[in-house]
Amino acid sequence: MGNTLAAYNAREFHHIYPKAFLAAEGISFHESNVIANICMLSQQDNSISDKDPRDYFTSIPPEIKDDVFDRAVAPPEFRDGSKPYADFINKRAEALAVKAENLILNRRPT
């Protein structure tokens, strides 16, 4: 059962900055495959493929864009895909740590 669930759930985890895009930018597999680069996204909603974040971030419908990025814990200044990957990862890792701490301690978001 564990393998079945793992295989099913693996399809719901996606790289925000796609691995193939990052590889073309000279970023290694290990650098691209970090938790801070992963988001939950249904197969149906996955139009990311190997696109440059500058391209697919702008294709998110404006009426849901803030909600999508808020739920993904993506810092506001990184929501256009134009910032360097390393900066995005560092800032999102900080935001994820704060979110996790707040959830663990049952605090309201700041």
PDB file of N, CA and C in Angstrom:
ATOM      1  N   MET A   1       0.821  -1.193   0.000  1.00  0.00           N
ATOM      2  CA  MET A   1       0.000   0.000   0.000  1.00  0.00           C
ATOM      3  C   MET A   1       0.863   1.255   0.000  1.00  0.00           C
ATOM      4  N   GLY A   2       1.982   1.234   0.728  1.00  0.00           N
ATOM      5  CA  GLY A   2       2.861   2.395   0.785  1.00  0.00           C
ATOM      6  C   GLY A   2       3.371   2.809  -0.575  1.00  0.00           C
ATOM      7  N   ASN A   3       3.764   1.819  -1.395  1.00  0.00           N
ATOM      8  CA  ASN A   3       4.246   2.129  -2.739  1.00  0.00           C
ATOM      9  C   ASN A   3       3.143   2.680  -3.620  1.00  0.00           C
ATOM     10  N   THR A   4       1.950   2.181  -3.468  1.00  0.00           N
ATOM     11  CA  THR A   4       0.818   2.657  -4.254  1.00  0.00           C
ATOM     12  C   THR A   4       0.539   4.115  -3.943  1.00  0.00           C
ATOM     13  N   LEU A   5       0.481   4.444  -2.674  1.00  0.00           N
ATOM     14  CA  LEU A   5       0.227   5.835  -2.288  1.00  0.00           C
ATOM     15  C   LEU A   5       1.367   6.743  -2.705  1.00  0.00           C
ATOM     16  N   ALA A   6       2.586   6.269  -2.558  1.00  0.00           N
ATOM     17  CA  ALA A   6       3.733   7.083  -2.952  1.00  0.00           C
ATOM     18  C   ALA A   6       3.697   7.380  -4.446  1.00  0.00           C
ATOM     19  N   ALA A   7       3.384   6.390  -5.253  1.00  0.00           N
ATOM     20  CA  ALA A   7       3.316   6.592  -6.703  1.00  0.00           C
ATOM     21  C   ALA A   7       2.205   7.562  -7.058  1.00  0.00           C
ATOM     22  N   TYR A   8       1.053   7.425  -6.415  1.00  0.00           N
ATOM     23  CA  TYR A   8      -0.062   8.325  -6.695  1.00  0.00           C
ATOM     24  C   TYR A   8       0.288   9.754  -6.302  1.00  0.00           C
ATOM     25  N   ASN A   9       0.802   9.931  -5.108  1.00  0.00           N
ATOM     26  CA  ASN A   9       1.107  11.268  -4.609  1.00  0.00           C
ATOM     27  C   ASN A   9       2.258  11.924  -5.357  1.00  0.00           C
ATOM     28  N   ALA A  10       3.176  11.137  -5.881  1.00  0.00           N
ATOM     29  CA  ALA A  10       4.310  11.707  -6.609  1.00  0.00           C
ATOM     30  C   ALA A  10       3.834  12.544  -7.791  1.00  0.00           C
ATOM     31  N   ARG A  11       2.692  12.186  -8.352  1.00  0.00           N
ATOM     32  CA  ARG A  11       2.163  12.929  -9.490  1.00  0.00           C
ATOM     33  C   ARG A  11       1.613  14.287  -9.083  1.00  0.00           C
ATOM     34  N   GLU A  12       1.450  14.520  -7.805  1.00  0.00           N
ATOM     35  CA  GLU A  12       0.895  15.782  -7.335  1.00  0.00           C
ATOM     36  C   GLU A  12       1.976  16.762  -6.899  1.00  0.00           C
ATOM     37  N   PHE A  13       3.215  16.319  -6.823  1.00  0.00           N
ATOM     38  CA  PHE A  13       4.323  17.179  -6.459  1.00  0.00           C
ATOM     39  C   PHE A  13       5.006  17.659  -7.730  1.00  0.00           C
ATOM     40  N   HIS A  14       5.195  18.963  -7.839  1.00  0.00           N
ATOM     41  CA  HIS A  14       5.783  19.524  -9.050  1.00  0.00           C
ATOM     42  C   HIS A  14       6.840  20.561  -8.694  1.00  0.00           C
ATOM     43  N   HIS A  15       7.794  20.716  -9.580  1.00  0.00           N
ATOM     44  CA  HIS A  15       8.855  21.697  -9.381  1.00  0.00           C
ATOM     45  C   HIS A  15       8.360  23.059  -9.871  1.00  0.00           C
ATOM     46  N   ILE A  16       8.479  24.052  -9.022  1.00  0.00           N
ATOM     47  CA  ILE A  16       8.055  25.404  -9.388  1.00  0.00           C
ATOM     48  C   ILE A  16       8.951  25.933 -10.502  1.00  0.00           C
ATOM     49  N   TYR A  17      10.253  25.810 -10.313  1.00  0.00           N
ATOM     50  CA  TYR A  17      11.216  26.084 -11.374  1.00  0.00           C
ATOM     51  C   TYR A  17      11.548  24.705 -11.942  1.00  0.00           C
ATOM     52  N   PRO A  18      11.039  24.365 -13.121  1.00  0.00           N
ATOM     53  CA  PRO A  18      11.193  23.012 -13.664  1.00  0.00           C
ATOM     54  C   PRO A  18      12.653  22.560 -13.760  1.00  0.00           C
ATOM     55  N   LYS A  19      12.851  21.268 -13.485  1.00  0.00           N
ATOM     56  CA  LYS A  19      14.214  20.714 -13.498  1.00  0.00           C
ATOM     57  C   LYS A  19      14.887  20.890 -14.862  1.00  0.00           C
ATOM     58  N   ALA A  20      14.157  20.649 -15.933  1.00  0.00           N
ATOM     59  CA  ALA A  20      14.764  20.775 -17.269  1.00  0.00           C
ATOM     60  C   ALA A  20      15.148  22.222 -17.549  1.00  0.00           C
ATOM     61  N   PHE A  21      14.300  23.156 -17.138  1.00  0.00           N
ATOM     62  CA  PHE A  21      14.621  24.573 -17.302  1.00  0.00           C
ATOM     63  C   PHE A  21      15.888  24.909 -16.521  1.00  0.00           C
ATOM     64  N   LEU A  22      15.958  24.445 -15.268  1.00  0.00           N
ATOM     65  CA  LEU A  22      17.128  24.731 -14.433  1.00  0.00           C
ATOM     66  C   LEU A  22      18.383  24.070 -14.979  1.00  0.00           C
ATOM     67  N   ALA A  23      18.254  22.853 -15.500  1.00  0.00           N
ATOM     68  CA  ALA A  23      19.411  22.173 -16.092  1.00  0.00           C
ATOM     69  C   ALA A  23      19.969  22.979 -17.255  1.00  0.00           C
ATOM     70  N   ALA A  24      19.088  23.543 -18.066  1.00  0.00           N
ATOM     71  CA  ALA A  24      19.523  24.380 -19.187  1.00  0.00           C
ATOM     72  C   ALA A  24      20.222  25.649 -18.706  1.00  0.00           C
ATOM     73  N   GLU A  25      19.926  26.036 -17.456  1.00  0.00           N
ATOM     74  CA  GLU A  25      20.562  27.209 -16.848  1.00  0.00           C
ATOM     75  C   GLU A  25      21.846  26.832 -16.096  1.00  0.00           C
ATOM     76  N   GLY A  26      22.198  25.535 -16.128  1.00  0.00           N
ATOM     77  CA  GLY A  26      23.423  25.074 -15.479  1.00  0.00           C
ATOM     78  C   GLY A  26      23.246  24.712 -14.010  1.00  0.00           C
ATOM     79  N   ILE A  27      22.013  24.542 -13.572  1.00  0.00           N
ATOM     80  CA  ILE A  27      21.736  24.201 -12.178  1.00  0.00           C
ATOM     81  C   ILE A  27      21.560  22.690 -12.077  1.00  0.00           C
ATOM     82  N   SER A  28      22.286  22.093 -11.142  1.00  0.00           N
ATOM     83  CA  SER A  28      22.315  20.635 -11.027  1.00  0.00           C
ATOM     84  C   SER A  28      20.981  20.060 -10.570  1.00  0.00           C
ATOM     85  N   PHE A  29      20.834  18.756 -10.797  1.00  0.00           N
ATOM     86  CA  PHE A  29      19.643  18.030 -10.370  1.00  0.00           C
ATOM     87  C   PHE A  29      19.427  18.204  -8.871  1.00  0.00           C
ATOM     88  N   HIS A  30      20.491  18.065  -8.091  1.00  0.00           N
ATOM     89  CA  HIS A  30      20.360  18.146  -6.635  1.00  0.00           C
ATOM     90  C   HIS A  30      19.954  19.540  -6.178  1.00  0.00           C
ATOM     91  N   GLU A  31      20.453  20.560  -6.839  1.00  0.00           N
ATOM     92  CA  GLU A  31      20.063  21.935  -6.500  1.00  0.00           C
ATOM     93  C   GLU A  31      18.617  22.219  -6.895  1.00  0.00           C
ATOM     94  N   SER A  32      18.148  21.582  -7.944  1.00  0.00           N
ATOM     95  CA  SER A  32      16.780  21.837  -8.406  1.00  0.00           C
ATOM     96  C   SER A  32      15.752  20.991  -7.675  1.00  0.00           C
ATOM     97  N   ASN A  33      16.188  19.908  -7.071  1.00  0.00           N
ATOM     98  CA  ASN A  33      15.275  18.958  -6.461  1.00  0.00           C
ATOM     99  C   ASN A  33      15.191  19.150  -4.944  1.00  0.00           C
ATOM    100  N   VAL A  34      15.042  20.391  -4.512  1.00  0.00           N
ATOM    101  CA  VAL A  34      14.941  20.710  -3.086  1.00  0.00           C
ATOM    102  C   VAL A  34      13.484  20.987  -2.728  1.00  0.00           C
ATOM    103  N   ILE A  35      13.149  20.781  -1.475  1.00  0.00           N
ATOM    104  CA  ILE A  35      11.766  20.963  -1.025  1.00  0.00           C
ATOM    105  C   ILE A  35      11.254  22.372  -1.325  1.00  0.00           C
ATOM    106  N   ALA A  36      12.099  23.360  -1.208  1.00  0.00           N
ATOM    107  CA  ALA A  36      11.655  24.734  -1.456  1.00  0.00           C
ATOM    108  C   ALA A  36      11.297  24.983  -2.915  1.00  0.00           C
ATOM    109  N   ASN A  37      11.568  24.021  -3.788  1.00  0.00           N
ATOM    110  CA  ASN A  37      11.196  24.149  -5.200  1.00  0.00           C
ATOM    111  C   ASN A  37       9.998  23.267  -5.555  1.00  0.00           C
ATOM    112  N   ILE A  38       9.355  22.683  -4.565  1.00  0.00           N
ATOM    113  CA  ILE A  38       8.246  21.763  -4.794  1.00  0.00           C
ATOM    114  C   ILE A  38       6.928  22.410  -4.381  1.00  0.00           C
ATOM    115  N   CYS A  39       5.902  22.177  -5.182  1.00  0.00           N
ATOM    116  CA  CYS A  39       4.558  22.628  -4.810  1.00  0.00           C
ATOM    117  C   CYS A  39       3.581  21.489  -5.100  1.00  0.00           C
ATOM    118  N   MET A  40       2.438  21.578  -4.477  1.00  0.00           N
ATOM    119  CA  MET A  40       1.361  20.628  -4.741  1.00  0.00           C
ATOM    120  C   MET A  40       0.543  21.186  -5.906  1.00  0.00           C
ATOM    121  N   LEU A  41       0.332  20.362  -6.897  1.00  0.00           N
ATOM    122  CA  LEU A  41      -0.413  20.792  -8.076  1.00  0.00           C
ATOM    123  C   LEU A  41      -1.024  19.557  -8.711  1.00  0.00           C
ATOM    124  N   SER A  42      -2.305  19.614  -8.969  1.00  0.00           N
ATOM    125  CA  SER A  42      -2.952  18.454  -9.576  1.00  0.00           C
ATOM    126  C   SER A  42      -2.458  18.274 -11.006  1.00  0.00           C
ATOM    127  N   GLN A  43      -2.523  17.032 -11.471  1.00  0.00           N
ATOM    128  CA  GLN A  43      -2.149  16.750 -12.855  1.00  0.00           C
ATOM    129  C   GLN A  43      -2.964  17.610 -13.818  1.00  0.00           C
ATOM    130  N   GLN A  44      -4.235  17.786 -13.504  1.00  0.00           N
ATOM    131  CA  GLN A  44      -5.133  18.555 -14.360  1.00  0.00           C
ATOM    132  C   GLN A  44      -4.678  20.011 -14.486  1.00  0.00           C
ATOM    133  N   ASP A  45      -4.164  20.568 -13.390  1.00  0.00           N
ATOM    134  CA  ASP A  45      -3.752  21.970 -13.396  1.00  0.00           C
ATOM    135  C   ASP A  45      -2.303  22.171 -13.818  1.00  0.00           C
ATOM    136  N   ASN A  46      -1.594  21.095 -14.059  1.00  0.00           N
ATOM    137  CA  ASN A  46      -0.174  21.214 -14.364  1.00  0.00           C
ATOM    138  C   ASN A  46       0.044  21.585 -15.828  1.00  0.00           C
ATOM    139  N   SER A  47       0.322  22.833 -16.061  1.00  0.00           N
ATOM    140  CA  SER A  47       0.686  23.297 -17.403  1.00  0.00           C
ATOM    141  C   SER A  47       2.127  23.790 -17.410  1.00  0.00           C
ATOM    142  N   ILE A  48       2.853  23.445 -16.351  1.00  0.00           N
ATOM    143  CA  ILE A  48       4.210  23.944 -16.167  1.00  0.00           C
ATOM    144  C   ILE A  48       5.158  23.354 -17.194  1.00  0.00           C
ATOM    145  N   SER A  49       5.145  22.023 -17.319  1.00  0.00           N
ATOM    146  CA  SER A  49       6.053  21.322 -18.214  1.00  0.00           C
ATOM    147  C   SER A  49       7.484  21.739 -17.904  1.00  0.00           C
ATOM    148  N   ASP A  50       8.245  22.160 -18.900  1.00  0.00           N
ATOM    149  CA  ASP A  50       9.632  22.586 -18.701  1.00  0.00           C
ATOM    150  C   ASP A  50       9.786  24.078 -18.961  1.00  0.00           C
ATOM    151  N   LYS A  51       8.704  24.816 -18.791  1.00  0.00           N
ATOM    152  CA  LYS A  51       8.678  26.235 -19.142  1.00  0.00           C
ATOM    153  C   LYS A  51       9.478  27.099 -18.178  1.00  0.00           C
ATOM    154  N   ASP A  52       9.926  28.211 -18.698  1.00  0.00           N
ATOM    155  CA  ASP A  52      10.552  29.261 -17.906  1.00  0.00           C
ATOM    156  C   ASP A  52       9.474  29.850 -16.990  1.00  0.00           C
ATOM    157  N   PRO A  53       9.751  29.975 -15.701  1.00  0.00           N
ATOM    158  CA  PRO A  53       8.749  30.549 -14.795  1.00  0.00           C
ATOM    159  C   PRO A  53       8.241  31.927 -15.239  1.00  0.00           C
ATOM    160  N   ARG A  54       9.087  32.696 -15.923  1.00  0.00           N
ATOM    161  CA  ARG A  54       8.632  34.008 -16.425  1.00  0.00           C
ATOM    162  C   ARG A  54       7.491  33.845 -17.417  1.00  0.00           C
ATOM    163  N   ASP A  55       7.453  32.705 -18.102  1.00  0.00           N
ATOM    164  CA  ASP A  55       6.384  32.452 -19.063  1.00  0.00           C
ATOM    165  C   ASP A  55       5.133  31.904 -18.394  1.00  0.00           C
ATOM    166  N   TYR A  56       5.296  30.866 -17.581  1.00  0.00           N
ATOM    167  CA  TYR A  56       4.075  30.242 -17.066  1.00  0.00           C
ATOM    168  C   TYR A  56       3.500  30.957 -15.852  1.00  0.00           C
ATOM    169  N   PHE A  57       4.298  31.686 -15.069  1.00  0.00           N
ATOM    170  CA  PHE A  57       3.727  32.460 -13.957  1.00  0.00           C
ATOM    171  C   PHE A  57       2.720  33.478 -14.492  1.00  0.00           C
ATOM    172  N   THR A  58       3.018  34.069 -15.628  1.00  0.00           N
ATOM    173  CA  THR A  58       2.128  35.093 -16.189  1.00  0.00           C
ATOM    174  C   THR A  58       0.887  34.489 -16.828  1.00  0.00           C
ATOM    175  N   SER A  59       0.889  33.162 -17.038  1.00  0.00           N
ATOM    176  CA  SER A  59      -0.288  32.534 -17.642  1.00  0.00           C
ATOM    177  C   SER A  59      -1.343  32.148 -16.605  1.00  0.00           C
ATOM    178  N   ILE A  60      -1.039  32.303 -15.331  1.00  0.00           N
ATOM    179  CA  ILE A  60      -2.022  31.997 -14.284  1.00  0.00           C
ATOM    180  C   ILE A  60      -3.101  33.082 -14.340  1.00  0.00           C
ATOM    181  N   PRO A  61      -4.361  32.698 -14.411  1.00  0.00           N
ATOM    182  CA  PRO A  61      -5.427  33.709 -14.505  1.00  0.00           C
ATOM    183  C   PRO A  61      -5.354  34.714 -13.352  1.00  0.00           C
ATOM    184  N   PRO A  62      -5.441  35.993 -13.673  1.00  0.00           N
ATOM    185  CA  PRO A  62      -5.290  37.043 -12.653  1.00  0.00           C
ATOM    186  C   PRO A  62      -6.249  36.905 -11.471  1.00  0.00           C
ATOM    187  N   GLU A  63      -7.445  36.392 -11.723  1.00  0.00           N
ATOM    188  CA  GLU A  63      -8.431  36.304 -10.646  1.00  0.00           C
ATOM    189  C   GLU A  63      -8.084  35.243  -9.594  1.00  0.00           C
ATOM    190  N   ILE A  64      -7.194  34.330  -9.918  1.00  0.00           N
ATOM    191  CA  ILE A  64      -6.796  33.318  -8.928  1.00  0.00           C
ATOM    192  C   ILE A  64      -5.311  33.365  -8.577  1.00  0.00           C
ATOM    193  N   LYS A  65      -4.567  34.224  -9.256  1.00  0.00           N
ATOM    194  CA  LYS A  65      -3.105  34.236  -9.122  1.00  0.00           C
ATOM    195  C   LYS A  65      -2.646  34.423  -7.679  1.00  0.00           C
ATOM    196  N   ASP A  66      -3.166  35.409  -6.978  1.00  0.00           N
ATOM    197  CA  ASP A  66      -2.726  35.630  -5.594  1.00  0.00           C
ATOM    198  C   ASP A  66      -3.034  34.433  -4.716  1.00  0.00           C
ATOM    199  N   ASP A  67      -4.205  33.842  -4.893  1.00  0.00           N
ATOM    200  CA  ASP A  67      -4.580  32.673  -4.102  1.00  0.00           C
ATOM    201  C   ASP A  67      -3.644  31.503  -4.386  1.00  0.00           C
ATOM    202  N   VAL A  68      -3.328  31.277  -5.643  1.00  0.00           N
ATOM    203  CA  VAL A  68      -2.424  30.188  -6.029  1.00  0.00           C
ATOM    204  C   VAL A  68      -1.062  30.379  -5.363  1.00  0.00           C
ATOM    205  N   PHE A  69      -0.514  31.576  -5.470  1.00  0.00           N
ATOM    206  CA  PHE A  69       0.805  31.833  -4.891  1.00  0.00           C
ATOM    207  C   PHE A  69       0.773  31.859  -3.364  1.00  0.00           C
ATOM    208  N   ASP A  70      -0.307  32.362  -2.777  1.00  0.00           N
ATOM    209  CA  ASP A  70      -0.433  32.338  -1.319  1.00  0.00           C
ATOM    210  C   ASP A  70      -0.438  30.902  -0.810  1.00  0.00           C
ATOM    211  N   ARG A  71      -1.214  30.048  -1.456  1.00  0.00           N
ATOM    212  CA  ARG A  71      -1.302  28.639  -1.033  1.00  0.00           C
ATOM    213  C   ARG A  71       0.016  27.915  -1.249  1.00  0.00           C
ATOM    214  N   ALA A  72       0.795  28.344  -2.214  1.00  0.00           N
ATOM    215  CA  ALA A  72       2.100  27.736  -2.482  1.00  0.00           C
ATOM    216  C   ALA A  72       3.205  28.352  -1.622  1.00  0.00           C
ATOM    217  N   VAL A  73       2.845  29.309  -0.786  1.00  0.00           N
ATOM    218  CA  VAL A  73       3.791  30.007   0.084  1.00  0.00           C
ATOM    219  C   VAL A  73       4.928  30.605  -0.755  1.00  0.00           C
ATOM    220  N   ALA A  74       4.533  31.233  -1.852  1.00  0.00           N
ATOM    221  CA  ALA A  74       5.492  31.903  -2.729  1.00  0.00           C
ATOM    222  C   ALA A  74       5.537  33.386  -2.358  1.00  0.00           C
ATOM    223  N   PRO A  75       6.695  33.885  -1.960  1.00  0.00           N
ATOM    224  CA  PRO A  75       6.806  35.286  -1.557  1.00  0.00           C
ATOM    225  C   PRO A  75       6.357  36.238  -2.675  1.00  0.00           C
ATOM    226  N   PRO A  76       5.634  37.293  -2.315  1.00  0.00           N
ATOM    227  CA  PRO A  76       5.071  38.209  -3.321  1.00  0.00           C
ATOM    228  C   PRO A  76       6.074  38.758  -4.332  1.00  0.00           C
ATOM    229  N   GLU A  77       7.262  39.061  -3.898  1.00  0.00           N
ATOM    230  CA  GLU A  77       8.246  39.664  -4.813  1.00  0.00           C
ATOM    231  C   GLU A  77       8.815  38.663  -5.823  1.00  0.00           C
ATOM    232  N   PHE A  78       8.424  37.399  -5.728  1.00  0.00           N
ATOM    233  CA  PHE A  78       8.920  36.361  -6.633  1.00  0.00           C
ATOM    234  C   PHE A  78       7.834  35.802  -7.538  1.00  0.00           C
ATOM    235  N   ARG A  79       6.715  36.456  -7.624  1.00  0.00           N
ATOM    236  CA  ARG A  79       5.567  35.914  -8.341  1.00  0.00           C
ATOM    237  C   ARG A  79       5.522  36.230  -9.832  1.00  0.00           C
ATOM    238  N   ASP A  80       6.583  36.799 -10.345  1.00  0.00           N
ATOM    239  CA  ASP A  80       6.627  37.025 -11.796  1.00  0.00           C
ATOM    240  C   ASP A  80       7.685  36.156 -12.477  1.00  0.00           C
ATOM    241  N   GLY A  81       8.428  35.365 -11.682  1.00  0.00           N
ATOM    242  CA  GLY A  81       9.415  34.444 -12.238  1.00  0.00           C
ATOM    243  C   GLY A  81      10.694  35.082 -12.721  1.00  0.00           C
ATOM    244  N   SER A  82      10.888  36.363 -12.447  1.00  0.00           N
ATOM    245  CA  SER A  82      12.049  37.065 -12.997  1.00  0.00           C
ATOM    246  C   SER A  82      13.284  37.045 -12.102  1.00  0.00           C
ATOM    247  N   LYS A  83      13.126  36.618 -10.868  1.00  0.00           N
ATOM    248  CA  LYS A  83      14.256  36.629  -9.935  1.00  0.00           C
ATOM    249  C   LYS A  83      15.089  35.344 -10.097  1.00  0.00           C
ATOM    250  N   PRO A  84      16.356  35.424  -9.741  1.00  0.00           N
ATOM    251  CA  PRO A  84      17.208  34.229  -9.832  1.00  0.00           C
ATOM    252  C   PRO A  84      16.679  33.090  -8.961  1.00  0.00           C
ATOM    253  N   TYR A  85      16.865  31.881  -9.447  1.00  0.00           N
ATOM    254  CA  TYR A  85      16.404  30.686  -8.758  1.00  0.00           C
ATOM    255  C   TYR A  85      16.913  30.635  -7.313  1.00  0.00           C
ATOM    256  N   ALA A  86      18.197  30.874  -7.113  1.00  0.00           N
ATOM    257  CA  ALA A  86      18.776  30.789  -5.760  1.00  0.00           C
ATOM    258  C   ALA A  86      18.089  31.761  -4.806  1.00  0.00           C
ATOM    259  N   ASP A  87      17.778  32.953  -5.269  1.00  0.00           N
ATOM    260  CA  ASP A  87      17.084  33.938  -4.424  1.00  0.00           C
ATOM    261  C   ASP A  87      15.679  33.450  -4.085  1.00  0.00           C
ATOM    262  N   PHE A  88      14.999  32.895  -5.090  1.00  0.00           N
ATOM    263  CA  PHE A  88      13.654  32.361  -4.865  1.00  0.00           C
ATOM    264  C   PHE A  88      13.695  31.248  -3.820  1.00  0.00           C
ATOM    265  N   ILE A  89      14.625  30.317  -3.979  1.00  0.00           N
ATOM    266  CA  ILE A  89      14.724  29.175  -3.064  1.00  0.00           C
ATOM    267  C   ILE A  89      15.006  29.640  -1.642  1.00  0.00           C
ATOM    268  N   ASN A  90      15.931  30.550  -1.483  1.00  0.00           N
ATOM    269  CA  ASN A  90      16.260  31.044  -0.136  1.00  0.00           C
ATOM    270  C   ASN A  90      15.070  31.728   0.516  1.00  0.00           C
ATOM    271  N   LYS A  91      14.394  32.567  -0.218  1.00  0.00           N
ATOM    272  CA  LYS A  91      13.249  33.304   0.339  1.00  0.00           C
ATOM    273  C   LYS A  91      12.071  32.369   0.600  1.00  0.00           C
ATOM    274  N   ARG A  92      11.804  31.448  -0.312  1.00  0.00           N
ATOM    275  CA  ARG A  92      10.691  30.525  -0.101  1.00  0.00           C
ATOM    276  C   ARG A  92      10.991  29.564   1.050  1.00  0.00           C
ATOM    277  N   ALA A  93      12.240  29.137   1.193  1.00  0.00           N
ATOM    278  CA  ALA A  93      12.608  28.266   2.319  1.00  0.00           C
ATOM    279  C   ALA A  93      12.338  28.984   3.640  1.00  0.00           C
ATOM    280  N   GLU A  94      12.676  30.262   3.709  1.00  0.00           N
ATOM    281  CA  GLU A  94      12.379  31.050   4.916  1.00  0.00           C
ATOM    282  C   GLU A  94      10.875  31.111   5.163  1.00  0.00           C
ATOM    283  N   ALA A  95      10.108  31.371   4.117  1.00  0.00           N
ATOM    284  CA  ALA A  95       8.654  31.475   4.248  1.00  0.00           C
ATOM    285  C   ALA A  95       8.034  30.129   4.651  1.00  0.00           C
ATOM    286  N   LEU A  96       8.554  29.032   4.086  1.00  0.00           N
ATOM    287  CA  LEU A  96       8.059  27.706   4.454  1.00  0.00           C
ATOM    288  C   LEU A  96       8.381  27.370   5.910  1.00  0.00           C
ATOM    289  N   ALA A  97       9.552  27.784   6.374  1.00  0.00           N
ATOM    290  CA  ALA A  97       9.928  27.535   7.772  1.00  0.00           C
ATOM    291  C   ALA A  97       9.007  28.292   8.722  1.00  0.00           C
ATOM    292  N   VAL A  98       8.700  29.527   8.392  1.00  0.00           N
ATOM    293  CA  VAL A  98       7.781  30.323   9.224  1.00  0.00           C
ATOM    294  C   VAL A  98       6.399  29.681   9.214  1.00  0.00           C
ATOM    295  N   LYS A  99       5.935  29.281   8.043  1.00  0.00           N
ATOM    296  CA  LYS A  99       4.625  28.629   7.919  1.00  0.00           C
ATOM    297  C   LYS A  99       4.578  27.344   8.747  1.00  0.00           C
ATOM    298  N   ALA A 100       5.606  26.533   8.647  1.00  0.00           N
ATOM    299  CA  ALA A 100       5.658  25.278   9.399  1.00  0.00           C
ATOM    300  C   ALA A 100       5.673  25.536  10.902  1.00  0.00           C
ATOM    301  N   GLU A 101       6.473  26.492  11.329  1.00  0.00           N
ATOM    302  CA  GLU A 101       6.530  26.816  12.758  1.00  0.00           C
ATOM    303  C   GLU A 101       5.170  27.287  13.256  1.00  0.00           C
ATOM    304  N   ASN A 102       4.516  28.132  12.478  1.00  0.00           N
ATOM    305  CA  ASN A 102       3.187  28.613  12.869  1.00  0.00           C
ATOM    306  C   ASN A 102       2.184  27.468  12.953  1.00  0.00           C
ATOM    307  N   LEU A 103       2.242  26.529  12.026  1.00  0.00           N
ATOM    308  CA  LEU A 103       1.345  25.381  12.055  1.00  0.00           C
ATOM    309  C   LEU A 103       1.643  24.486  13.256  1.00  0.00           C
ATOM    310  N   ILE A 104       2.920  24.251  13.509  1.00  0.00           N
ATOM    311  CA  ILE A 104       3.295  23.398  14.642  1.00  0.00           C
ATOM    312  C   ILE A 104       2.857  24.021  15.968  1.00  0.00           C
ATOM    313  N   LEU A 105       3.015  25.310  16.078  1.00  0.00           N
ATOM    314  CA  LEU A 105       2.671  26.001  17.324  1.00  0.00           C
ATOM    315  C   LEU A 105       1.236  26.529  17.322  1.00  0.00           C
ATOM    316  N   ASN A 106       0.498  26.202  16.235  1.00  0.00           N
ATOM    317  CA  ASN A 106      -0.895  26.622  16.115  1.00  0.00           C
ATOM    318  C   ASN A 106      -1.063  28.138  16.225  1.00  0.00           C
ATOM    319  N   ARG A 107      -0.170  28.857  15.567  1.00  0.00           N
ATOM    320  CA  ARG A 107      -0.260  30.314  15.535  1.00  0.00           C
ATOM    321  C   ARG A 107      -0.961  30.764  14.271  1.00  0.00           C
ATOM    322  N   ARG A 108      -1.495  31.956  14.346  1.00  0.00           N
ATOM    323  CA  ARG A 108      -2.067  32.561  13.135  1.00  0.00           C
ATOM    324  C   ARG A 108      -0.933  33.147  12.311  1.00  0.00           C
ATOM    325  N   PRO A 109      -1.098  33.171  10.985  1.00  0.00           N
ATOM    326  CA  PRO A 109      -0.049  33.741  10.117  1.00  0.00           C
ATOM    327  C   PRO A 109       0.193  35.205  10.436  1.00  0.00           C
ATOM    328  N   THR A 110       1.437  35.595  10.242  1.00  0.00           N
ATOM    329  CA  THR A 110       1.787  37.008  10.458  1.00  0.00           C
ATOM    330  C   THR A 110       1.740  37.770   9.174  1.00  0.00           C
TER     331      THR A 110
END
